[in-house]
Amino acid sequence: MATAQRNPRDVIFEADAEYQRLAQQHQQYEAALQELSLSPYHNSEDLIEEVRLKKLKLRVKDEMERLAARIPDVRARHTPRPTH
């Protein structure tokens, strides 16, 4: 019976509290950006806030990637093997 392969990020998410915190923060920034996008009119403060949120979201995403890269065992276990 074949077992379903899990996404490496799911494994990291379950195992690493810092990754969980960053993922939650990333979701909060995304929610704030979505809320901001609902407004039909943006003043200069809204545009500055949008840029700020996007930068924060990207910074968090980069940190999540750095954490994921530090766990080679997880990546090795989830790397697809070539078929013959």
C-alpha atoms as a PDB file:
ATOM      1  CA  MET A   1       0.000   0.000   0.000  1.00  0.00           C
ATOM      2  CA  ALA A   2       1.451   3.346  -1.003  1.00  0.00           C
ATOM      3  CA  THR A   3       1.571   6.136   1.550  1.00  0.00           C
ATOM      4  CA  ALA A   4       0.814   9.693   0.552  1.00  0.00           C
ATOM      5  CA  GLN A   5       3.833  11.958   0.602  1.00  0.00           C
ATOM      6  CA  ARG A   6       3.454  14.988   2.802  1.00  0.00           C
ATOM      7  CA  ASN A   7       4.609  18.450   1.883  1.00  0.00           C
ATOM      8  CA  PRO A   8       7.919  19.239   3.639  1.00  0.00           C
ATOM      9  CA  ARG A   9       6.457  22.528   4.869  1.00  0.00           C
ATOM     10  CA  ASP A  10       3.666  20.591   6.610  1.00  0.00           C
ATOM     11  CA  VAL A  11       6.235  18.456   8.422  1.00  0.00           C
ATOM     12  CA  ILE A  12       8.229  21.527   9.461  1.00  0.00           C
ATOM     13  CA  PHE A  13       5.047  23.314  10.533  1.00  0.00           C
ATOM     14  CA  GLU A  14       4.146  20.462  12.863  1.00  0.00           C
ATOM     15  CA  ALA A  15       7.652  20.143  14.300  1.00  0.00           C
ATOM     16  CA  ASP A  16       8.910  23.698  14.675  1.00  0.00           C
ATOM     17  CA  ALA A  17       7.240  26.287  16.932  1.00  0.00           C
ATOM     18  CA  GLU A  18       9.154  29.176  15.350  1.00  0.00           C
ATOM     19  CA  TYR A  19       7.983  28.127  11.890  1.00  0.00           C
ATOM     20  CA  GLN A  20       4.416  27.965  13.225  1.00  0.00           C
ATOM     21  CA  ARG A  21       4.730  31.476  14.639  1.00  0.00           C
ATOM     22  CA  LEU A  22       6.081  32.805  11.343  1.00  0.00           C
ATOM     23  CA  ALA A  23       3.357  31.052   9.337  1.00  0.00           C
ATOM     24  CA  GLN A  24       0.711  32.614  11.566  1.00  0.00           C
ATOM     25  CA  GLN A  25       2.310  36.034  11.168  1.00  0.00           C
ATOM     26  CA  HIS A  26       2.428  35.548   7.391  1.00  0.00           C
ATOM     27  CA  GLN A  27      -1.298  34.761   7.396  1.00  0.00           C
ATOM     28  CA  GLN A  28      -2.025  37.870   9.478  1.00  0.00           C
ATOM     29  CA  TYR A  29      -0.172  40.079   6.989  1.00  0.00           C
ATOM     30  CA  GLU A  30      -2.052  38.427   4.118  1.00  0.00           C
ATOM     31  CA  ALA A  31      -5.384  39.039   5.878  1.00  0.00           C
ATOM     32  CA  ALA A  32      -4.486  42.692   6.468  1.00  0.00           C
ATOM     33  CA  LEU A  33      -3.574  43.079   2.787  1.00  0.00           C
ATOM     34  CA  GLN A  34      -6.854  41.464   1.742  1.00  0.00           C
ATOM     35  CA  GLU A  35      -8.796  43.811   4.004  1.00  0.00           C
ATOM     36  CA  LEU A  36      -6.915  46.795   2.632  1.00  0.00           C
ATOM     37  CA  SER A  37      -7.663  45.716  -0.942  1.00  0.00           C
ATOM     38  CA  LEU A  38     -11.415  45.815  -0.261  1.00  0.00           C
ATOM     39  CA  SER A  39     -11.382  49.583  -0.020  1.00  0.00           C
ATOM     40  CA  PRO A  40     -12.464  51.234  -3.286  1.00  0.00           C
ATOM     41  CA  TYR A  41     -10.270  54.256  -2.583  1.00  0.00           C
ATOM     42  CA  HIS A  42      -6.723  54.331  -1.274  1.00  0.00           C
ATOM     43  CA  ASN A  43      -5.132  57.431   0.143  1.00  0.00           C
ATOM     44  CA  SER A  44      -1.377  57.822   0.434  1.00  0.00           C
ATOM     45  CA  GLU A  45      -1.387  56.316   3.940  1.00  0.00           C
ATOM     46  CA  ASP A  46      -3.156  53.215   2.634  1.00  0.00           C
ATOM     47  CA  LEU A  47      -0.592  52.832  -0.135  1.00  0.00           C
ATOM     48  CA  ILE A  48       2.275  53.183   2.346  1.00  0.00           C
ATOM     49  CA  GLU A  49       0.625  50.612   4.611  1.00  0.00           C
ATOM     50  CA  GLU A  50       0.213  48.235   1.665  1.00  0.00           C
ATOM     51  CA  VAL A  51       3.920  48.474   0.831  1.00  0.00           C
ATOM     52  CA  ARG A  52       4.851  48.023   4.499  1.00  0.00           C
ATOM     53  CA  LEU A  53       2.665  44.915   4.838  1.00  0.00           C
ATOM     54  CA  LYS A  54       4.052  43.403   1.635  1.00  0.00           C
ATOM     55  CA  LYS A  55       7.624  43.916   2.839  1.00  0.00           C
ATOM     56  CA  LEU A  56       6.841  42.392   6.236  1.00  0.00           C
ATOM     57  CA  LYS A  57       5.097  39.456   4.610  1.00  0.00           C
ATOM     58  CA  LEU A  58       8.079  38.847   2.314  1.00  0.00           C
ATOM     59  CA  ARG A  59      10.521  39.116   5.219  1.00  0.00           C
ATOM     60  CA  VAL A  60       8.538  36.498   7.155  1.00  0.00           C
ATOM     61  CA  LYS A  61       8.371  34.240   4.091  1.00  0.00           C
ATOM     62  CA  ASP A  62      12.149  34.508   3.661  1.00  0.00           C
ATOM     63  CA  GLU A  63      12.662  33.567   7.304  1.00  0.00           C
ATOM     64  CA  MET A  64      10.351  30.576   6.877  1.00  0.00           C
ATOM     65  CA  GLU A  65      12.450  29.457   3.910  1.00  0.00           C
ATOM     66  CA  ARG A  66      15.642  29.835   5.954  1.00  0.00           C
ATOM     67  CA  LEU A  67      14.173  27.652   8.689  1.00  0.00           C
ATOM     68  CA  ALA A  68      13.082  25.064   6.139  1.00  0.00           C
ATOM     69  CA  ALA A  69      16.582  25.004   4.625  1.00  0.00           C
ATOM     70  CA  ARG A  70      18.077  24.255   8.051  1.00  0.00           C
ATOM     71  CA  ILE A  71      16.232  20.981   8.212  1.00  0.00           C
ATOM     72  CA  PRO A  72      17.896  18.899   5.495  1.00  0.00           C
ATOM     73  CA  ASP A  73      16.523  15.648   6.931  1.00  0.00           C
ATOM     74  CA  VAL A  74      12.971  16.747   6.169  1.00  0.00           C
ATOM     75  CA  ARG A  75      13.864  17.820   2.646  1.00  0.00           C
ATOM     76  CA  ALA A  76      15.777  14.591   2.005  1.00  0.00           C
ATOM     77  CA  ARG A  77      12.854  12.449   3.123  1.00  0.00           C
ATOM     78  CA  HIS A  78      10.451  14.307   0.853  1.00  0.00           C
ATOM     79  CA  THR A  79      12.596  14.650  -2.238  1.00  0.00           C
ATOM     80  CA  PRO A  80      11.023  12.669  -5.069  1.00  0.00           C
ATOM     81  CA  ARG A  81      13.141   9.728  -6.109  1.00  0.00           C
ATOM     82  CA  PRO A  82      13.782   9.170  -9.804  1.00  0.00           C
ATOM     83  CA  THR A  83      11.823   6.350 -11.369  1.00  0.00           C
ATOM     84  CA  HIS A  84      13.578   3.775 -13.498  1.00  0.00           C
END
